[in-house]
Full PDB file with SEQRES, HELIX, SHEET, SSBOND, CRYST1, ORIGX, SCALE, CONECT and MASTER records, all heavy atoms in Angstrom:
SEQRES   1 A   45  GLY VAL ASP ILE SER ALA PHE GLU SER LEU GLU SER PRO          
SEQRES   2 A   45  ALA GLU ARG GLY GLU VAL PHE SER VAL GLY ILE VAL SER          
SEQRES   3 A   45  SER ASN LEU PRO LYS LYS GLY ILE ASN ASP PHE VAL ARG          
SEQRES   4 A   45  LEU ALA SER GLU LEU GLU                                      
HELIX    1 AA1 ILE A    4  ALA A    6  5                                   3    
HELIX    2 AA2 PRO A   30  LYS A   32  5                                   3    
HELIX    3 AA3 ILE A   34  LEU A   44  1                                  11    
CRYST1    1.000    1.000    1.000  90.00  90.00  90.00 P 1           1          
ORIGX1      1.000000  0.000000  0.000000        0.00000                         
ORIGX2      0.000000  1.000000  0.000000        0.00000                         
ORIGX3      0.000000  0.000000  1.000000        0.00000                         
SCALE1      1.000000  0.000000  0.000000        0.00000                         
SCALE2      0.000000  1.000000  0.000000        0.00000                         
SCALE3      0.000000  0.000000  1.000000        0.00000                         
ATOM      1  N   GLY A   1       1.198   1.406  19.717  1.00  0.00           N  
ATOM      2  CA  GLY A   1       0.218   0.559  19.712  1.00  0.00           C  
ATOM      3  C   GLY A   1      -0.709   0.784  18.603  1.00  0.00           C  
ATOM      4  O   GLY A   1      -0.664   1.753  17.750  1.00  0.00           O  
ATOM      5  N   VAL A   2      -1.894   0.002  18.499  1.00  0.00           N  
ATOM      6  CA  VAL A   2      -2.773   0.214  17.513  1.00  0.00           C  
ATOM      7  C   VAL A   2      -4.185  -0.157  18.100  1.00  0.00           C  
ATOM      8  O   VAL A   2      -4.335  -1.152  18.758  1.00  0.00           O  
ATOM      9  CB  VAL A   2      -2.468  -0.690  16.229  1.00  0.00           C  
ATOM     10  CG1 VAL A   2      -2.527  -2.175  16.547  1.00  0.00           C  
ATOM     11  CG2 VAL A   2      -3.407  -0.384  14.981  1.00  0.00           C  
ATOM     12  N   ASP A   3      -5.309   0.584  17.584  1.00  0.00           N  
ATOM     13  CA  ASP A   3      -6.500   0.212  17.940  1.00  0.00           C  
ATOM     14  C   ASP A   3      -7.086  -0.833  17.070  1.00  0.00           C  
ATOM     15  O   ASP A   3      -7.580  -0.415  15.852  1.00  0.00           O  
ATOM     16  CB  ASP A   3      -7.398   1.544  18.027  1.00  0.00           C  
ATOM     17  CG  ASP A   3      -8.876   1.216  18.490  1.00  0.00           C  
ATOM     18  OD1 ASP A   3      -9.230   0.169  18.636  1.00  0.00           O  
ATOM     19  OD2 ASP A   3      -9.630   2.266  18.465  1.00  0.00           O  
ATOM     20  N   ILE A   4      -7.061  -1.946  17.302  1.00  0.00           N  
ATOM     21  CA  ILE A   4      -7.419  -3.124  16.419  1.00  0.00           C  
ATOM     22  C   ILE A   4      -8.842  -2.891  15.839  1.00  0.00           C  
ATOM     23  O   ILE A   4      -9.142  -3.094  14.646  1.00  0.00           O  
ATOM     24  CB  ILE A   4      -7.401  -4.444  17.172  1.00  0.00           C  
ATOM     25  CG1 ILE A   4      -5.996  -4.747  17.626  1.00  0.00           C  
ATOM     26  CG2 ILE A   4      -7.761  -5.555  16.152  1.00  0.00           C  
ATOM     27  CD1 ILE A   4      -4.905  -4.753  16.632  1.00  0.00           C  
ATOM     28  N   SER A   5      -9.779  -2.469  16.626  1.00  0.00           N  
ATOM     29  CA  SER A   5     -11.174  -2.263  16.303  1.00  0.00           C  
ATOM     30  C   SER A   5     -11.309  -1.144  15.236  1.00  0.00           C  
ATOM     31  O   SER A   5     -12.260  -1.250  14.363  1.00  0.00           O  
ATOM     32  CB  SER A   5     -12.047  -1.878  17.494  1.00  0.00           C  
ATOM     33  OG  SER A   5     -11.686  -0.483  17.914  1.00  0.00           O  
ATOM     34  N   ALA A   6     -10.333  -0.262  15.100  1.00  0.00           N  
ATOM     35  CA  ALA A   6     -10.423   0.765  14.096  1.00  0.00           C  
ATOM     36  C   ALA A   6      -9.939   0.252  12.782  1.00  0.00           C  
ATOM     37  O   ALA A   6     -10.143   0.981  11.651  1.00  0.00           O  
ATOM     38  CB  ALA A   6      -9.578   2.026  14.508  1.00  0.00           C  
ATOM     39  N   PHE A   7      -9.380  -0.941  12.657  1.00  0.00           N  
ATOM     40  CA  PHE A   7      -8.797  -1.460  11.392  1.00  0.00           C  
ATOM     41  C   PHE A   7      -9.373  -2.733  10.970  1.00  0.00           C  
ATOM     42  O   PHE A   7      -9.301  -3.028   9.734  1.00  0.00           O  
ATOM     43  CB  PHE A   7      -7.297  -1.488  11.492  1.00  0.00           C  
ATOM     44  CG  PHE A   7      -6.542  -0.269  11.611  1.00  0.00           C  
ATOM     45  CD1 PHE A   7      -6.232   0.293  12.851  1.00  0.00           C  
ATOM     46  CD2 PHE A   7      -6.053   0.339  10.453  1.00  0.00           C  
ATOM     47  CE1 PHE A   7      -5.681   1.529  12.872  1.00  0.00           C  
ATOM     48  CE2 PHE A   7      -5.485   1.609  10.434  1.00  0.00           C  
ATOM     49  CZ  PHE A   7      -5.131   2.136  11.752  1.00  0.00           C  
ATOM     50  N   GLU A   8      -9.960  -3.516  11.893  1.00  0.00           N  
ATOM     51  CA  GLU A   8     -10.296  -4.964  11.506  1.00  0.00           C  
ATOM     52  C   GLU A   8     -11.329  -5.011  10.576  1.00  0.00           C  
ATOM     53  O   GLU A   8     -11.579  -6.085   9.929  1.00  0.00           O  
ATOM     54  CB  GLU A   8     -10.586  -5.641  12.891  1.00  0.00           C  
ATOM     55  CG  GLU A   8     -11.816  -5.118  13.579  1.00  0.00           C  
ATOM     56  CD  GLU A   8     -12.006  -5.824  15.036  1.00  0.00           C  
ATOM     57  OE1 GLU A   8     -11.327  -6.826  15.160  1.00  0.00           O  
ATOM     58  OE2 GLU A   8     -12.851  -5.441  15.710  1.00  0.00           O  
ATOM     59  N   SER A   9     -12.328  -3.991  10.340  1.00  0.00           N  
ATOM     60  CA  SER A   9     -13.358  -4.138   9.459  1.00  0.00           C  
ATOM     61  C   SER A   9     -13.092  -3.507   8.140  1.00  0.00           C  
ATOM     62  O   SER A   9     -14.011  -3.449   7.304  1.00  0.00           O  
ATOM     63  CB  SER A   9     -14.607  -3.546  10.218  1.00  0.00           C  
ATOM     64  OG  SER A   9     -14.465  -2.108  10.335  1.00  0.00           O  
ATOM     65  N   LEU A  10     -11.929  -3.127   7.872  1.00  0.00           N  
ATOM     66  CA  LEU A  10     -11.588  -2.379   6.628  1.00  0.00           C  
ATOM     67  C   LEU A  10     -11.545  -3.416   5.545  1.00  0.00           C  
ATOM     68  O   LEU A  10     -10.737  -4.305   5.533  1.00  0.00           O  
ATOM     69  CB  LEU A  10     -10.289  -1.665   6.650  1.00  0.00           C  
ATOM     70  CG  LEU A  10     -10.171  -0.461   7.587  1.00  0.00           C  
ATOM     71  CD1 LEU A  10      -8.777   0.114   7.508  1.00  0.00           C  
ATOM     72  CD2 LEU A  10     -11.231   0.601   7.195  1.00  0.00           C  
ATOM     73  N   GLU A  11     -12.356  -3.302   4.520  1.00  0.00           N  
ATOM     74  CA  GLU A  11     -12.209  -4.215   3.410  1.00  0.00           C  
ATOM     75  C   GLU A  11     -11.176  -3.737   2.447  1.00  0.00           C  
ATOM     76  O   GLU A  11     -10.840  -2.599   2.298  1.00  0.00           O  
ATOM     77  CB  GLU A  11     -13.632  -4.176   2.533  1.00  0.00           C  
ATOM     78  CG  GLU A  11     -14.788  -4.923   3.111  1.00  0.00           C  
ATOM     79  CD  GLU A  11     -15.895  -5.011   2.114  1.00  0.00           C  
ATOM     80  OE1 GLU A  11     -16.239  -3.960   1.582  1.00  0.00           O  
ATOM     81  OE2 GLU A  11     -16.477  -6.111   1.957  1.00  0.00           O  
ATOM     82  N   SER A  12     -10.456  -4.792   1.884  1.00  0.00           N  
ATOM     83  CA  SER A  12      -9.375  -4.375   0.844  1.00  0.00           C  
ATOM     84  C   SER A  12     -10.091  -4.236  -0.430  1.00  0.00           C  
ATOM     85  O   SER A  12     -11.216  -4.597  -0.698  1.00  0.00           O  
ATOM     86  CB  SER A  12      -8.382  -5.618   0.843  1.00  0.00           C  
ATOM     87  OG  SER A  12      -9.028  -6.684   0.226  1.00  0.00           O  
ATOM     88  N   PRO A  13      -9.353  -3.543  -1.362  1.00  0.00           N  
ATOM     89  CA  PRO A  13      -9.796  -3.298  -2.811  1.00  0.00           C  
ATOM     90  C   PRO A  13     -10.231  -4.609  -3.492  1.00  0.00           C  
ATOM     91  O   PRO A  13     -11.399  -4.716  -4.071  1.00  0.00           O  
ATOM     92  CB  PRO A  13      -8.650  -2.771  -3.517  1.00  0.00           C  
ATOM     93  CG  PRO A  13      -7.841  -2.071  -2.324  1.00  0.00           C  
ATOM     94  CD  PRO A  13      -7.998  -2.905  -1.194  1.00  0.00           C  
ATOM     95  N   ALA A  14      -9.538  -5.761  -3.305  1.00  0.00           N  
ATOM     96  CA  ALA A  14      -9.905  -7.061  -3.879  1.00  0.00           C  
ATOM     97  C   ALA A  14     -11.091  -7.475  -3.284  1.00  0.00           C  
ATOM     98  O   ALA A  14     -12.040  -8.054  -3.995  1.00  0.00           O  
ATOM     99  CB  ALA A  14      -8.797  -8.070  -3.768  1.00  0.00           C  
ATOM    100  N   GLU A  15     -11.380  -7.394  -2.048  1.00  0.00           N  
ATOM    101  CA  GLU A  15     -12.670  -7.708  -1.407  1.00  0.00           C  
ATOM    102  C   GLU A  15     -13.819  -7.015  -1.900  1.00  0.00           C  
ATOM    103  O   GLU A  15     -14.856  -7.414  -1.868  1.00  0.00           O  
ATOM    104  CB  GLU A  15     -12.613  -7.704   0.085  1.00  0.00           C  
ATOM    105  CG  GLU A  15     -11.576  -8.639   0.784  1.00  0.00           C  
ATOM    106  CD  GLU A  15     -11.380  -8.470   2.328  1.00  0.00           C  
ATOM    107  OE1 GLU A  15     -11.259  -7.165   2.665  1.00  0.00           O  
ATOM    108  OE2 GLU A  15     -11.489  -9.450   3.053  1.00  0.00           O  
ATOM    109  N   ARG A  16     -13.563  -5.824  -2.350  1.00  0.00           N  
ATOM    110  CA  ARG A  16     -14.683  -4.889  -2.852  1.00  0.00           C  
ATOM    111  C   ARG A  16     -14.878  -5.125  -4.336  1.00  0.00           C  
ATOM    112  O   ARG A  16     -15.589  -4.460  -4.999  1.00  0.00           O  
ATOM    113  CB  ARG A  16     -14.282  -3.360  -2.676  1.00  0.00           C  
ATOM    114  CG  ARG A  16     -14.192  -3.060  -1.085  1.00  0.00           C  
ATOM    115  CD  ARG A  16     -14.238  -1.517  -0.944  1.00  0.00           C  
ATOM    116  NE  ARG A  16     -13.008  -0.879  -1.564  1.00  0.00           N  
ATOM    117  CZ  ARG A  16     -11.873  -0.632  -0.887  1.00  0.00           C  
ATOM    118  NH1 ARG A  16     -11.819  -0.978   0.375  1.00  0.00           N  
ATOM    119  NH2 ARG A  16     -10.925  -0.015  -1.462  1.00  0.00           N  
ATOM    120  N   GLY A  17     -14.067  -6.051  -4.907  1.00  0.00           N  
ATOM    121  CA  GLY A  17     -14.204  -6.366  -6.327  1.00  0.00           C  
ATOM    122  C   GLY A  17     -13.396  -5.357  -7.229  1.00  0.00           C  
ATOM    123  O   GLY A  17     -13.619  -5.397  -8.417  1.00  0.00           O  
ATOM    124  N   GLU A  18     -12.475  -4.745  -6.602  1.00  0.00           N  
ATOM    125  CA  GLU A  18     -11.626  -3.789  -7.415  1.00  0.00           C  
ATOM    126  C   GLU A  18     -10.386  -4.465  -7.738  1.00  0.00           C  
ATOM    127  O   GLU A  18      -9.980  -5.608  -7.430  1.00  0.00           O  
ATOM    128  CB  GLU A  18     -11.417  -2.557  -6.514  1.00  0.00           C  
ATOM    129  CG  GLU A  18     -12.763  -1.728  -6.240  1.00  0.00           C  
ATOM    130  CD  GLU A  18     -12.471  -0.644  -5.205  1.00  0.00           C  
ATOM    131  OE1 GLU A  18     -11.310  -0.328  -4.929  1.00  0.00           O  
ATOM    132  OE2 GLU A  18     -13.507  -0.047  -4.675  1.00  0.00           O  
ATOM    133  N   VAL A  19      -9.482  -3.610  -8.451  1.00  0.00           N  
ATOM    134  CA  VAL A  19      -8.153  -4.171  -8.816  1.00  0.00           C  
ATOM    135  C   VAL A  19      -7.259  -4.375  -7.571  1.00  0.00           C  
ATOM    136  O   VAL A  19      -7.252  -3.628  -6.688  1.00  0.00           O  
ATOM    137  CB  VAL A  19      -7.461  -3.152  -9.723  1.00  0.00           C  
ATOM    138  CG1 VAL A  19      -5.967  -3.666 -10.098  1.00  0.00           C  
ATOM    139  CG2 VAL A  19      -8.216  -2.917 -10.987  1.00  0.00           C  
ATOM    140  N   PHE A  20      -6.665  -5.457  -7.522  1.00  0.00           N  
ATOM    141  CA  PHE A  20      -5.673  -5.917  -6.421  1.00  0.00           C  
ATOM    142  C   PHE A  20      -4.524  -4.707  -6.306  1.00  0.00           C  
ATOM    143  O   PHE A  20      -4.001  -4.292  -7.373  1.00  0.00           O  
ATOM    144  CB  PHE A  20      -5.044  -7.149  -6.732  1.00  0.00           C  
ATOM    145  CG  PHE A  20      -4.074  -7.760  -5.526  1.00  0.00           C  
ATOM    146  CD1 PHE A  20      -4.758  -8.591  -4.684  1.00  0.00           C  
ATOM    147  CD2 PHE A  20      -2.800  -7.374  -5.388  1.00  0.00           C  
ATOM    148  CE1 PHE A  20      -3.985  -9.155  -3.612  1.00  0.00           C  
ATOM    149  CE2 PHE A  20      -2.055  -7.889  -4.500  1.00  0.00           C  
ATOM    150  CZ  PHE A  20      -2.627  -8.753  -3.409  1.00  0.00           C  
ATOM    151  N   SER A  21      -4.320  -4.161  -5.165  1.00  0.00           N  
ATOM    152  CA  SER A  21      -3.544  -2.997  -4.964  1.00  0.00           C  
ATOM    153  C   SER A  21      -2.434  -3.212  -3.999  1.00  0.00           C  
ATOM    154  O   SER A  21      -2.658  -3.764  -2.855  1.00  0.00           O  
ATOM    155  CB  SER A  21      -4.392  -1.757  -4.580  1.00  0.00           C  
ATOM    156  OG  SER A  21      -5.294  -1.443  -5.549  1.00  0.00           O  
ATOM    157  N   VAL A  22      -1.232  -2.732  -4.372  1.00  0.00           N  
ATOM    158  CA  VAL A  22      -0.013  -2.724  -3.427  1.00  0.00           C  
ATOM    159  C   VAL A  22       0.425  -1.345  -3.335  1.00  0.00           C  
ATOM    160  O   VAL A  22       0.387  -0.592  -4.380  1.00  0.00           O  
ATOM    161  CB  VAL A  22       1.006  -3.604  -3.990  1.00  0.00           C  
ATOM    162  CG1 VAL A  22       1.474  -3.261  -5.347  1.00  0.00           C  
ATOM    163  CG2 VAL A  22       2.239  -3.717  -3.072  1.00  0.00           C  
ATOM    164  N   GLY A  23       0.739  -0.954  -2.102  1.00  0.00           N  
ATOM    165  CA  GLY A  23       1.138   0.455  -2.017  1.00  0.00           C  
ATOM    166  C   GLY A  23       2.159   0.723  -0.848  1.00  0.00           C  
ATOM    167  O   GLY A  23       2.437  -0.112  -0.005  1.00  0.00           O  
ATOM    168  N   ILE A  24       2.649   1.953  -0.948  1.00  0.00           N  
ATOM    169  CA  ILE A  24       3.676   2.472   0.093  1.00  0.00           C  
ATOM    170  C   ILE A  24       2.927   3.670   0.708  1.00  0.00           C  
ATOM    171  O   ILE A  24       2.418   4.594  -0.079  1.00  0.00           O  
ATOM    172  CB  ILE A  24       4.977   2.787  -0.521  1.00  0.00           C  
ATOM    173  CG1 ILE A  24       5.964   3.150   0.520  1.00  0.00           C  
ATOM    174  CG2 ILE A  24       4.924   3.910  -1.703  1.00  0.00           C  
ATOM    175  CD1 ILE A  24       7.490   3.294  -0.042  1.00  0.00           C  
ATOM    176  N   VAL A  25       2.924   3.779   2.014  1.00  0.00           N  
ATOM    177  CA  VAL A  25       2.391   4.882   2.770  1.00  0.00           C  
ATOM    178  C   VAL A  25       3.510   5.637   3.442  1.00  0.00           C  
ATOM    179  O   VAL A  25       4.120   4.980   4.440  1.00  0.00           O  
ATOM    180  CB  VAL A  25       1.322   4.448   3.687  1.00  0.00           C  
ATOM    181  CG1 VAL A  25       0.676   5.692   4.495  1.00  0.00           C  
ATOM    182  CG2 VAL A  25       0.195   3.737   2.993  1.00  0.00           C  
ATOM    183  N   SER A  26       3.887   6.866   3.157  1.00  0.00           N  
ATOM    184  CA  SER A  26       5.029   7.413   3.760  1.00  0.00           C  
ATOM    185  C   SER A  26       5.021   8.986   3.558  1.00  0.00           C  
ATOM    186  O   SER A  26       4.073   9.437   3.003  1.00  0.00           O  
ATOM    187  CB  SER A  26       6.263   6.872   3.073  1.00  0.00           C  
ATOM    188  OG  SER A  26       6.642   7.467   1.879  1.00  0.00           O  
ATOM    189  N   SER A  27       6.158   9.605   4.095  1.00  0.00           N  
ATOM    190  CA  SER A  27       6.245  10.998   3.897  1.00  0.00           C  
ATOM    191  C   SER A  27       6.851  11.367   2.551  1.00  0.00           C  
ATOM    192  O   SER A  27       7.107  12.522   2.183  1.00  0.00           O  
ATOM    193  CB  SER A  27       7.217  11.493   5.041  1.00  0.00           C  
ATOM    194  OG  SER A  27       8.424  10.799   5.047  1.00  0.00           O  
ATOM    195  N   ASN A  28       7.196  10.246   1.789  1.00  0.00           N  
ATOM    196  CA  ASN A  28       7.647  10.443   0.341  1.00  0.00           C  
ATOM    197  C   ASN A  28       8.910  11.194   0.272  1.00  0.00           C  
ATOM    198  O   ASN A  28       9.128  12.141  -0.634  1.00  0.00           O  
ATOM    199  CB  ASN A  28       6.559  11.042  -0.457  1.00  0.00           C  
ATOM    200  CG  ASN A  28       5.375  10.046  -0.659  1.00  0.00           C  
ATOM    201  OD1 ASN A  28       5.513   8.871  -0.529  1.00  0.00           O  
ATOM    202  ND2 ASN A  28       4.269  10.571  -1.059  1.00  0.00           N  
ATOM    203  N   LEU A  29       9.874  10.951   1.174  1.00  0.00           N  
ATOM    204  CA  LEU A  29      11.166  11.510   1.183  1.00  0.00           C  
ATOM    205  C   LEU A  29      12.105  10.432   0.465  1.00  0.00           C  
ATOM    206  O   LEU A  29      11.738   9.255   0.347  1.00  0.00           O  
ATOM    207  CB  LEU A  29      11.621  11.908   2.516  1.00  0.00           C  
ATOM    208  CG  LEU A  29      10.988  12.938   3.243  1.00  0.00           C  
ATOM    209  CD1 LEU A  29      11.377  13.061   4.647  1.00  0.00           C  
ATOM    210  CD2 LEU A  29      11.003  14.268   2.594  1.00  0.00           C  
ATOM    211  N   PRO A  30      13.247  10.862  -0.109  1.00  0.00           N  
ATOM    212  CA  PRO A  30      14.188   9.855  -0.693  1.00  0.00           C  
ATOM    213  C   PRO A  30      14.342   8.611   0.116  1.00  0.00           C  
ATOM    214  O   PRO A  30      14.444   7.419  -0.340  1.00  0.00           O  
ATOM    215  CB  PRO A  30      15.365  10.643  -1.004  1.00  0.00           C  
ATOM    216  CG  PRO A  30      14.865  12.000  -1.037  1.00  0.00           C  
ATOM    217  CD  PRO A  30      13.669  12.217  -0.083  1.00  0.00           C  
ATOM    218  N   LYS A  31      14.652   8.859   1.432  1.00  0.00           N  
ATOM    219  CA  LYS A  31      15.058   7.694   2.348  1.00  0.00           C  
ATOM    220  C   LYS A  31      13.984   6.654   2.534  1.00  0.00           C  
ATOM    221  O   LYS A  31      14.212   5.653   3.054  1.00  0.00           O  
ATOM    222  CB  LYS A  31      15.495   8.227   3.629  1.00  0.00           C  
ATOM    223  CG  LYS A  31      14.461   8.869   4.581  1.00  0.00           C  
ATOM    224  CD  LYS A  31      15.082   9.392   5.797  1.00  0.00           C  
ATOM    225  CE  LYS A  31      13.990   9.985   6.736  1.00  0.00           C  
ATOM    226  NZ  LYS A  31      14.506  10.439   7.996  1.00  0.00           N  
ATOM    227  N   LYS A  32      12.786   6.957   2.166  1.00  0.00           N  
ATOM    228  CA  LYS A  32      11.693   6.159   2.308  1.00  0.00           C  
ATOM    229  C   LYS A  32      11.556   5.051   1.288  1.00  0.00           C  
ATOM    230  O   LYS A  32      10.643   4.127   1.182  1.00  0.00           O  
ATOM    231  CB  LYS A  32      10.307   6.872   2.357  1.00  0.00           C  
ATOM    232  CG  LYS A  32      10.123   7.594   3.610  1.00  0.00           C  
ATOM    233  CD  LYS A  32       9.907   6.635   4.809  1.00  0.00           C  
ATOM    234  CE  LYS A  32       9.450   7.491   6.008  1.00  0.00           C  
ATOM    235  NZ  LYS A  32       9.241   6.568   7.345  1.00  0.00           N  
ATOM    236  N   GLY A  33      12.460   5.129   0.220  1.00  0.00           N  
ATOM    237  CA  GLY A  33      12.501   4.200  -0.831  1.00  0.00           C  
ATOM    238  C   GLY A  33      11.450   4.271  -1.929  1.00  0.00           C  
ATOM    239  O   GLY A  33      11.065   3.333  -2.526  1.00  0.00           O  
ATOM    240  N   ILE A  34      11.033   5.521  -2.201  1.00  0.00           N  
ATOM    241  CA  ILE A  34      10.165   5.768  -3.201  1.00  0.00           C  
ATOM    242  C   ILE A  34      10.578   5.392  -4.578  1.00  0.00           C  
ATOM    243  O   ILE A  34       9.881   4.754  -5.399  1.00  0.00           O  
ATOM    244  CB  ILE A  34       9.706   7.286  -3.248  1.00  0.00           C  
ATOM    245  CG1 ILE A  34       9.304   7.794  -1.756  1.00  0.00           C  
ATOM    246  CG2 ILE A  34       8.549   7.524  -4.234  1.00  0.00           C  
ATOM    247  CD1 ILE A  34       8.167   7.050  -1.189  1.00  0.00           C  
ATOM    248  N   ASN A  35      11.876   5.662  -4.825  1.00  0.00           N  
ATOM    249  CA  ASN A  35      12.430   5.172  -6.110  1.00  0.00           C  
ATOM    250  C   ASN A  35      12.296   3.715  -6.337  1.00  0.00           C  
ATOM    251  O   ASN A  35      12.140   3.211  -7.418  1.00  0.00           O  
ATOM    252  CB  ASN A  35      13.829   5.691  -6.345  1.00  0.00           C  
ATOM    253  CG  ASN A  35      14.361   5.662  -7.732  1.00  0.00           C  
ATOM    254  OD1 ASN A  35      13.505   5.702  -8.737  1.00  0.00           O  
ATOM    255  ND2 ASN A  35      15.642   5.454  -7.923  1.00  0.00           N  
ATOM    256  N   ASP A  36      12.526   2.971  -5.191  1.00  0.00           N  
ATOM    257  CA  ASP A  36      12.474   1.466  -5.263  1.00  0.00           C  
ATOM    258  C   ASP A  36      11.083   1.058  -5.540  1.00  0.00           C  
ATOM    259  O   ASP A  36      10.795   0.097  -6.247  1.00  0.00           O  
ATOM    260  CB  ASP A  36      12.801   0.947  -3.840  1.00  0.00           C  
ATOM    261  CG  ASP A  36      14.369   1.145  -3.473  1.00  0.00           C  
ATOM    262  OD1 ASP A  36      14.750   2.391  -3.601  1.00  0.00           O  
ATOM    263  OD2 ASP A  36      14.987   0.249  -3.087  1.00  0.00           O  
ATOM    264  N   PHE A  37      10.087   1.824  -5.061  1.00  0.00           N  
ATOM    265  CA  PHE A  37       8.677   1.439  -5.298  1.00  0.00           C  
ATOM    266  C   PHE A  37       8.281   1.701  -6.793  1.00  0.00           C  
ATOM    267  O   PHE A  37       7.612   0.864  -7.359  1.00  0.00           O  
ATOM    268  CB  PHE A  37       7.775   2.225  -4.314  1.00  0.00           C  
ATOM    269  CG  PHE A  37       6.317   1.820  -4.467  1.00  0.00           C  
ATOM    270  CD1 PHE A  37       5.879   0.628  -3.915  1.00  0.00           C  
ATOM    271  CD2 PHE A  37       5.368   2.630  -5.119  1.00  0.00           C  
ATOM    272  CE1 PHE A  37       4.566   0.139  -4.085  1.00  0.00           C  
ATOM    273  CE2 PHE A  37       4.059   2.217  -5.340  1.00  0.00           C  
ATOM    274  CZ  PHE A  37       3.564   1.009  -4.727  1.00  0.00           C  
ATOM    275  N   VAL A  38       8.811   2.779  -7.367  1.00  0.00           N  
ATOM    276  CA  VAL A  38       8.578   3.071  -8.753  1.00  0.00           C  
ATOM    277  C   VAL A  38       9.131   1.939  -9.590  1.00  0.00           C  
ATOM    278  O   VAL A  38       8.474   1.484 -10.522  1.00  0.00           O  
ATOM    279  CB  VAL A  38       9.164   4.389  -9.131  1.00  0.00           C  
ATOM    280  CG1 VAL A  38       9.081   4.545 -10.653  1.00  0.00           C  
ATOM    281  CG2 VAL A  38       8.475   5.538  -8.414  1.00  0.00           C  
ATOM    282  N   ARG A  39      10.364   1.403  -9.203  1.00  0.00           N  
ATOM    283  CA  ARG A  39      10.969   0.387  -9.952  1.00  0.00           C  
ATOM    284  C   ARG A  39      10.228  -0.859  -9.734  1.00  0.00           C  
ATOM    285  O   ARG A  39       9.978  -1.812 -10.628  1.00  0.00           O  
ATOM    286  CB  ARG A  39      12.446   0.205  -9.549  1.00  0.00           C  
ATOM    287  CG  ARG A  39      13.101  -0.905 -10.392  1.00  0.00           C  
ATOM    288  CD  ARG A  39      13.272  -0.320 -11.754  1.00  0.00           C  
ATOM    289  NE  ARG A  39      13.712  -1.305 -12.823  1.00  0.00           N  
ATOM    290  CZ  ARG A  39      12.951  -2.228 -13.305  1.00  0.00           C  
ATOM    291  NH1 ARG A  39      11.650  -2.222 -13.161  1.00  0.00           N  
ATOM    292  NH2 ARG A  39      13.418  -3.083 -14.200  1.00  0.00           N  
ATOM    293  N   LEU A  40       9.543  -1.109  -8.551  1.00  0.00           N  
ATOM    294  CA  LEU A  40       8.714  -2.284  -8.251  1.00  0.00           C  
ATOM    295  C   LEU A  40       7.441  -2.262  -9.184  1.00  0.00           C  
ATOM    296  O   LEU A  40       7.126  -3.266  -9.748  1.00  0.00           O  
ATOM    297  CB  LEU A  40       8.319  -2.267  -6.860  1.00  0.00           C  
ATOM    298  CG  LEU A  40       7.078  -3.263  -6.469  1.00  0.00           C  
ATOM    299  CD1 LEU A  40       7.634  -4.709  -6.667  1.00  0.00           C  
ATOM    300  CD2 LEU A  40       6.694  -3.024  -5.045  1.00  0.00           C  
ATOM    301  N   ALA A  41       6.965  -1.059  -9.414  1.00  0.00           N  
ATOM    302  CA  ALA A  41       5.737  -0.929 -10.252  1.00  0.00           C  
ATOM    303  C   ALA A  41       6.140  -1.405 -11.582  1.00  0.00           C  
ATOM    304  O   ALA A  41       5.357  -2.002 -12.389  1.00  0.00           O  
ATOM    305  CB  ALA A  41       5.207   0.523 -10.222  1.00  0.00           C  
ATOM    306  N   SER A  42       7.309  -0.866 -12.073  1.00  0.00           N  
ATOM    307  CA  SER A  42       7.669  -1.197 -13.504  1.00  0.00           C  
ATOM    308  C   SER A  42       7.932  -2.822 -13.600  1.00  0.00           C  
ATOM    309  O   SER A  42       7.549  -3.384 -14.645  1.00  0.00           O  
ATOM    310  CB  SER A  42       9.080  -0.586 -13.796  1.00  0.00           C  
ATOM    311  OG  SER A  42       8.924   0.763 -13.839  1.00  0.00           O  
ATOM    312  N   GLU A  43       8.477  -3.465 -12.459  1.00  0.00           N  
ATOM    313  CA  GLU A  43       8.746  -4.848 -12.508  1.00  0.00           C  
ATOM    314  C   GLU A  43       7.452  -5.616 -12.583  1.00  0.00           C  
ATOM    315  O   GLU A  43       7.247  -6.610 -13.365  1.00  0.00           O  
ATOM    316  CB  GLU A  43       9.499  -5.257 -11.288  1.00  0.00           C  
ATOM    317  CG  GLU A  43       9.774  -6.744 -11.085  1.00  0.00           C  
ATOM    318  CD  GLU A  43      10.687  -7.318 -12.142  1.00  0.00           C  
ATOM    319  OE1 GLU A  43      11.536  -6.550 -12.781  1.00  0.00           O  
ATOM    320  OE2 GLU A  43      10.615  -8.477 -12.528  1.00  0.00           O  
ATOM    321  N   LEU A  44       6.408  -5.230 -11.759  1.00  0.00           N  
ATOM    322  CA  LEU A  44       5.074  -5.857 -11.794  1.00  0.00           C  
ATOM    323  C   LEU A  44       4.419  -5.623 -13.138  1.00  0.00           C  
ATOM    324  O   LEU A  44       3.783  -6.575 -13.687  1.00  0.00           O  
ATOM    325  CB  LEU A  44       4.258  -5.282 -10.663  1.00  0.00           C  
ATOM    326  CG  LEU A  44       4.693  -5.597  -9.270  1.00  0.00           C  
ATOM    327  CD1 LEU A  44       3.826  -4.853  -8.205  1.00  0.00           C  
ATOM    328  CD2 LEU A  44       4.633  -7.083  -8.964  1.00  0.00           C  
ATOM    329  N   GLU A  45       4.547  -4.599 -13.728  1.00  0.00           N  
ATOM    330  CA  GLU A  45       3.996  -4.179 -15.176  1.00  0.00           C  
ATOM    331  C   GLU A  45       4.639  -5.134 -16.115  1.00  0.00           C  
ATOM    332  O   GLU A  45       4.036  -5.642 -17.078  1.00  0.00           O  
ATOM    333  CB  GLU A  45       4.197  -2.720 -15.511  1.00  0.00           C  
ATOM    334  CG  GLU A  45       3.429  -2.333 -16.733  1.00  0.00           C  
ATOM    335  CD  GLU A  45       3.549  -0.834 -16.966  1.00  0.00           C  
ATOM    336  OE1 GLU A  45       4.649  -0.253 -16.772  1.00  0.00           O  
ATOM    337  OE2 GLU A  45       2.474  -0.239 -17.242  1.00  0.00           O  
TER     338      GLU A  45                                                      
MASTER        0    0    0    3    0    0    0    6  337    1    0    4          
END                                                                             
C-alpha cells in the first residue's frame, strides 16, 4: 500500500521551474535494466 498523503503534495521538478526529469529508482543491479536506462538517456539526447 501507499500513504497517499505522504506523496500528494510533492511538486515535480517542472512545477518548480526546473528541467523536466525522468528517472529510474532501484537497487541498481543489472536485472533492474540500468543499461536500458543509459541507452534511453542517449536516445533522448
